[in-house]
Every structure is written in C-alpha cells, then in structure tokens.
C-alpha cells in the first residue's frame, strides 16, 4: 500500500485497484480507518476524534490531489506524494 503522506504520526496510504467509492486509508498507532474522498467521512474503521479532525482538515485541503492519486491507483501508476498538514 503506497504511502502518500505522513504527518503528526498519521500515515495516509492508498491501495492500487481499489473498489469504489474513492477513498484513502489512515493509520495512527494501532488505529486504522478508511475515509471517503468525496464525502470526507469515515467509511470503515475508527480513530480518536482529535486525529479524525486532523485527517479531515488535511483531506479537505488536498481533495483534488487525492482524487488524482485515486485515478493513478486505478491505472496502477505511481502515486504522487501529497504535502503534510502544516
């Protein structure tokens, strides 16, 4: 699973050839969750609320880049790194 971003102990990744809807995966310690790119909400898993808010803030800022990486992943092309939350 290619890592596309890392910030504040959060790792954001995306699988190749994933199922719809467009989404990304986040890992923080032992917590894991999948987030919808279109709706910016958790679609699977769980995270501490504070971490969810950081992930959603980051995703809102980078939604276009996330959708571009989703498209690349569907074509099995190399994903682009996305800047961390600053």
N, C-alpha and C. Protein backbone atom coordinates (compact mmCIF):
# COMPACT_ATOMS: atom_id res chain seq x y z
N UNK A 1 0.86 -1.17 0.00
CA UNK A 1 0.00 0.00 0.00
C UNK A 1 0.91 1.23 0.00
N UNK A 2 0.95 1.95 -1.10
CA UNK A 2 1.82 3.13 -1.18
C UNK A 2 1.41 4.24 -0.21
N UNK A 3 2.41 4.74 0.48
CA UNK A 3 2.21 5.87 1.39
C UNK A 3 2.23 7.15 0.57
N UNK A 4 1.22 8.00 0.77
CA UNK A 4 1.19 9.26 0.02
C UNK A 4 1.46 10.47 0.91
N UNK A 5 1.36 10.29 2.24
CA UNK A 5 1.64 11.40 3.14
C UNK A 5 1.85 10.88 4.56
N UNK A 6 2.63 11.65 5.32
CA UNK A 6 2.87 11.32 6.73
C UNK A 6 2.99 12.63 7.50
N UNK A 7 2.19 12.76 8.57
CA UNK A 7 2.26 13.95 9.41
C UNK A 7 1.73 13.64 10.80
N UNK A 8 2.36 14.20 11.81
CA UNK A 8 1.92 14.10 13.21
C UNK A 8 1.64 12.66 13.63
N UNK A 9 2.43 11.72 13.13
CA UNK A 9 2.25 10.32 13.47
C UNK A 9 1.16 9.62 12.68
N UNK A 10 0.55 10.31 11.72
CA UNK A 10 -0.52 9.77 10.88
C UNK A 10 0.09 9.38 9.54
N UNK A 11 -0.25 8.19 9.07
CA UNK A 11 0.22 7.72 7.77
C UNK A 11 -0.99 7.59 6.85
N UNK A 12 -0.92 8.24 5.70
CA UNK A 12 -2.01 8.21 4.72
C UNK A 12 -1.52 7.37 3.53
N UNK A 13 -2.34 6.38 3.14
CA UNK A 13 -1.98 5.48 2.05
C UNK A 13 -3.18 5.24 1.14
N UNK A 14 -2.88 4.66 -0.01
CA UNK A 14 -3.92 4.31 -0.97
C UNK A 14 -3.50 3.00 -1.64
N UNK A 15 -4.44 2.08 -1.77
CA UNK A 15 -4.17 0.82 -2.46
C UNK A 15 -4.35 0.99 -3.96
N UNK A 16 -3.67 0.14 -4.72
CA UNK A 16 -3.90 0.08 -6.16
C UNK A 16 -5.14 -0.76 -6.43
N UNK A 17 -5.86 -0.38 -7.47
CA UNK A 17 -7.02 -1.14 -7.95
C UNK A 17 -8.06 -1.38 -6.85
N UNK A 18 -8.37 -0.36 -6.10
CA UNK A 18 -9.35 -0.45 -5.01
C UNK A 18 -10.77 -0.34 -5.53
N UNK A 19 -11.69 -0.70 -4.70
CA UNK A 19 -13.12 -0.62 -5.01
C UNK A 19 -13.63 0.80 -4.77
N UNK A 20 -14.72 1.13 -5.44
CA UNK A 20 -15.37 2.43 -5.22
C UNK A 20 -16.06 2.40 -3.86
N UNK A 21 -16.31 3.52 -3.25
CA UNK A 21 -16.07 4.89 -3.69
C UNK A 21 -14.60 5.28 -3.49
N UNK A 22 -14.17 6.34 -4.16
CA UNK A 22 -12.79 6.81 -3.96
C UNK A 22 -12.51 7.07 -2.48
N UNK A 23 -11.42 6.51 -1.99
CA UNK A 23 -11.11 6.65 -0.57
C UNK A 23 -9.62 6.49 -0.33
N UNK A 24 -9.21 6.83 0.88
CA UNK A 24 -7.82 6.63 1.30
C UNK A 24 -7.83 5.98 2.68
N UNK A 25 -6.69 5.46 3.06
CA UNK A 25 -6.55 4.77 4.34
C UNK A 25 -5.64 5.59 5.25
N UNK A 26 -5.99 5.63 6.52
CA UNK A 26 -5.18 6.34 7.51
C UNK A 26 -4.84 5.39 8.65
N UNK A 27 -3.63 5.54 9.15
CA UNK A 27 -3.16 4.73 10.26
C UNK A 27 -2.55 5.67 11.29
N UNK A 28 -2.91 5.45 12.54
CA UNK A 28 -2.35 6.24 13.64
C UNK A 28 -2.18 5.28 14.81
N UNK A 29 -0.95 4.93 15.12
CA UNK A 29 -0.72 3.93 16.16
C UNK A 29 -1.40 2.63 15.77
N UNK A 30 -2.25 2.14 16.64
CA UNK A 30 -2.99 0.90 16.37
C UNK A 30 -4.33 1.16 15.68
N UNK A 31 -4.71 2.43 15.51
CA UNK A 31 -5.99 2.77 14.89
C UNK A 31 -5.85 2.83 13.38
N UNK A 32 -6.90 2.36 12.71
CA UNK A 32 -6.94 2.38 11.26
C UNK A 32 -8.34 2.74 10.80
N UNK A 33 -8.42 3.51 9.70
CA UNK A 33 -9.72 3.87 9.15
C UNK A 33 -9.58 4.20 7.68
N UNK A 34 -10.68 4.04 6.95
CA UNK A 34 -10.78 4.44 5.56
C UNK A 34 -11.69 5.65 5.49
N UNK A 35 -11.32 6.61 4.65
CA UNK A 35 -12.07 7.86 4.53
C UNK A 35 -12.51 8.06 3.09
N UNK A 36 -13.76 8.40 2.88
CA UNK A 36 -14.29 8.75 1.57
C UNK A 36 -13.69 10.09 1.15
N UNK A 37 -13.21 10.18 -0.08
CA UNK A 37 -12.68 11.44 -0.58
C UNK A 37 -13.80 12.40 -0.92
N UNK A 38 -14.86 11.90 -1.52
CA UNK A 38 -15.97 12.77 -1.93
C UNK A 38 -16.73 13.35 -0.75
N UNK A 39 -17.02 12.52 0.24
CA UNK A 39 -17.84 12.96 1.37
C UNK A 39 -17.02 13.37 2.60
N UNK A 40 -15.72 13.09 2.58
CA UNK A 40 -14.83 13.38 3.71
C UNK A 40 -15.43 12.88 5.03
N UNK A 41 -15.60 11.57 5.08
CA UNK A 41 -16.07 10.93 6.31
C UNK A 41 -15.49 9.52 6.38
N UNK A 42 -15.48 8.97 7.59
CA UNK A 42 -15.00 7.60 7.78
C UNK A 42 -16.01 6.64 7.17
N UNK A 43 -15.51 5.70 6.37
CA UNK A 43 -16.39 4.68 5.81
C UNK A 43 -16.11 3.31 6.40
N UNK A 44 -14.99 3.20 7.13
CA UNK A 44 -14.66 1.95 7.80
C UNK A 44 -13.58 2.20 8.83
N UNK A 45 -13.66 1.53 9.96
CA UNK A 45 -12.65 1.64 11.00
C UNK A 45 -12.98 2.72 12.01
N UNK A 46 -11.98 3.06 12.82
CA UNK A 46 -12.17 4.05 13.89
C UNK A 46 -10.83 4.72 14.20
N UNK A 47 -10.92 5.94 14.69
CA UNK A 47 -9.75 6.74 15.08
C UNK A 47 -10.16 7.63 16.24
N UNK A 48 -9.19 8.09 17.03
CA UNK A 48 -9.51 9.10 18.04
C UNK A 48 -10.07 10.36 17.36
N UNK A 49 -11.02 11.01 18.00
CA UNK A 49 -11.69 12.17 17.40
C UNK A 49 -10.72 13.27 17.00
N UNK A 50 -9.72 13.53 17.83
CA UNK A 50 -8.74 14.58 17.53
C UNK A 50 -7.98 14.24 16.25
N UNK A 51 -7.66 12.98 16.04
CA UNK A 51 -6.93 12.55 14.85
C UNK A 51 -7.83 12.63 13.62
N UNK A 52 -9.10 12.25 13.78
CA UNK A 52 -10.06 12.37 12.68
C UNK A 52 -10.12 13.81 12.19
N UNK A 53 -10.19 14.76 13.12
CA UNK A 53 -10.30 16.16 12.71
C UNK A 53 -9.05 16.61 11.96
N UNK A 54 -7.87 16.15 12.36
CA UNK A 54 -6.64 16.49 11.64
C UNK A 54 -6.64 15.88 10.24
N UNK A 55 -7.06 14.64 10.13
CA UNK A 55 -7.10 13.96 8.84
C UNK A 55 -8.09 14.66 7.91
N UNK A 56 -9.25 15.00 8.42
CA UNK A 56 -10.26 15.65 7.59
C UNK A 56 -9.82 17.05 7.17
N UNK A 57 -9.13 17.77 8.05
CA UNK A 57 -8.60 19.08 7.69
C UNK A 57 -7.61 18.94 6.54
N UNK A 58 -6.71 17.96 6.67
CA UNK A 58 -5.72 17.69 5.63
C UNK A 58 -6.41 17.30 4.32
N UNK A 59 -7.37 16.38 4.40
CA UNK A 59 -8.04 15.88 3.20
C UNK A 59 -8.82 16.99 2.49
N UNK A 60 -9.43 17.88 3.26
CA UNK A 60 -10.16 19.00 2.66
C UNK A 60 -9.22 19.88 1.83
N UNK A 61 -8.03 20.12 2.37
CA UNK A 61 -7.04 20.95 1.68
C UNK A 61 -6.48 20.28 0.43
N UNK A 62 -6.51 18.94 0.40
CA UNK A 62 -5.85 18.19 -0.67
C UNK A 62 -6.80 17.27 -1.44
N UNK A 63 -8.07 17.60 -1.44
CA UNK A 63 -9.06 16.72 -2.08
C UNK A 63 -8.74 16.49 -3.56
N UNK A 64 -8.37 17.53 -4.30
CA UNK A 64 -8.06 17.38 -5.72
C UNK A 64 -6.89 16.43 -5.93
N UNK A 65 -5.85 16.58 -5.11
CA UNK A 65 -4.68 15.70 -5.21
C UNK A 65 -5.03 14.26 -4.86
N UNK A 66 -5.90 14.09 -3.87
CA UNK A 66 -6.35 12.74 -3.50
C UNK A 66 -7.09 12.08 -4.66
N UNK A 67 -7.95 12.83 -5.32
CA UNK A 67 -8.68 12.28 -6.47
C UNK A 67 -7.73 11.96 -7.63
N UNK A 68 -6.70 12.77 -7.80
CA UNK A 68 -5.69 12.48 -8.83
C UNK A 68 -4.96 11.18 -8.50
N UNK A 69 -4.56 11.01 -7.24
CA UNK A 69 -3.90 9.77 -6.83
C UNK A 69 -4.83 8.58 -6.98
N UNK A 70 -6.12 8.76 -6.67
CA UNK A 70 -7.09 7.67 -6.84
C UNK A 70 -7.11 7.22 -8.30
N UNK A 71 -7.14 8.19 -9.21
CA UNK A 71 -7.15 7.88 -10.64
C UNK A 71 -5.87 7.14 -11.04
N UNK A 72 -4.73 7.60 -10.54
CA UNK A 72 -3.46 6.93 -10.83
C UNK A 72 -3.46 5.50 -10.29
N UNK A 73 -3.98 5.32 -9.10
CA UNK A 73 -4.01 3.98 -8.49
C UNK A 73 -4.87 3.02 -9.32
N UNK A 74 -5.97 3.52 -9.85
CA UNK A 74 -6.84 2.67 -10.66
C UNK A 74 -6.14 2.20 -11.94
N UNK A 75 -5.16 3.00 -12.41
CA UNK A 75 -4.40 2.65 -13.61
C UNK A 75 -3.07 1.97 -13.26
N UNK A 76 -2.86 1.68 -11.97
CA UNK A 76 -1.62 1.06 -11.48
C UNK A 76 -0.40 1.90 -11.82
N UNK A 77 -0.56 3.22 -11.77
CA UNK A 77 0.56 4.12 -12.00
C UNK A 77 1.07 4.64 -10.66
N UNK A 78 2.29 5.16 -10.68
CA UNK A 78 2.91 5.64 -9.45
C UNK A 78 2.11 6.80 -8.86
N UNK A 79 1.85 6.72 -7.55
CA UNK A 79 1.09 7.75 -6.86
C UNK A 79 2.02 8.92 -6.53
N UNK A 80 1.44 10.11 -6.44
CA UNK A 80 2.21 11.30 -6.09
C UNK A 80 2.11 11.56 -4.60
N UNK A 81 3.22 11.98 -4.01
CA UNK A 81 3.21 12.37 -2.61
C UNK A 81 2.40 13.65 -2.44
N UNK A 82 1.73 13.77 -1.32
CA UNK A 82 0.93 14.96 -1.00
C UNK A 82 1.54 15.62 0.22
N UNK A 83 1.60 16.93 0.21
CA UNK A 83 2.19 17.67 1.33
C UNK A 83 1.44 17.40 2.63
N UNK A 84 2.16 17.36 3.74
CA UNK A 84 1.53 17.14 5.04
C UNK A 84 0.77 18.36 5.53
N UNK A 85 0.00 18.15 6.57
CA UNK A 85 -0.71 19.24 7.24
C UNK A 85 0.34 20.11 7.93
N UNK A 86 0.25 21.41 7.73
CA UNK A 86 1.22 22.32 8.35
C UNK A 86 0.52 23.28 9.30
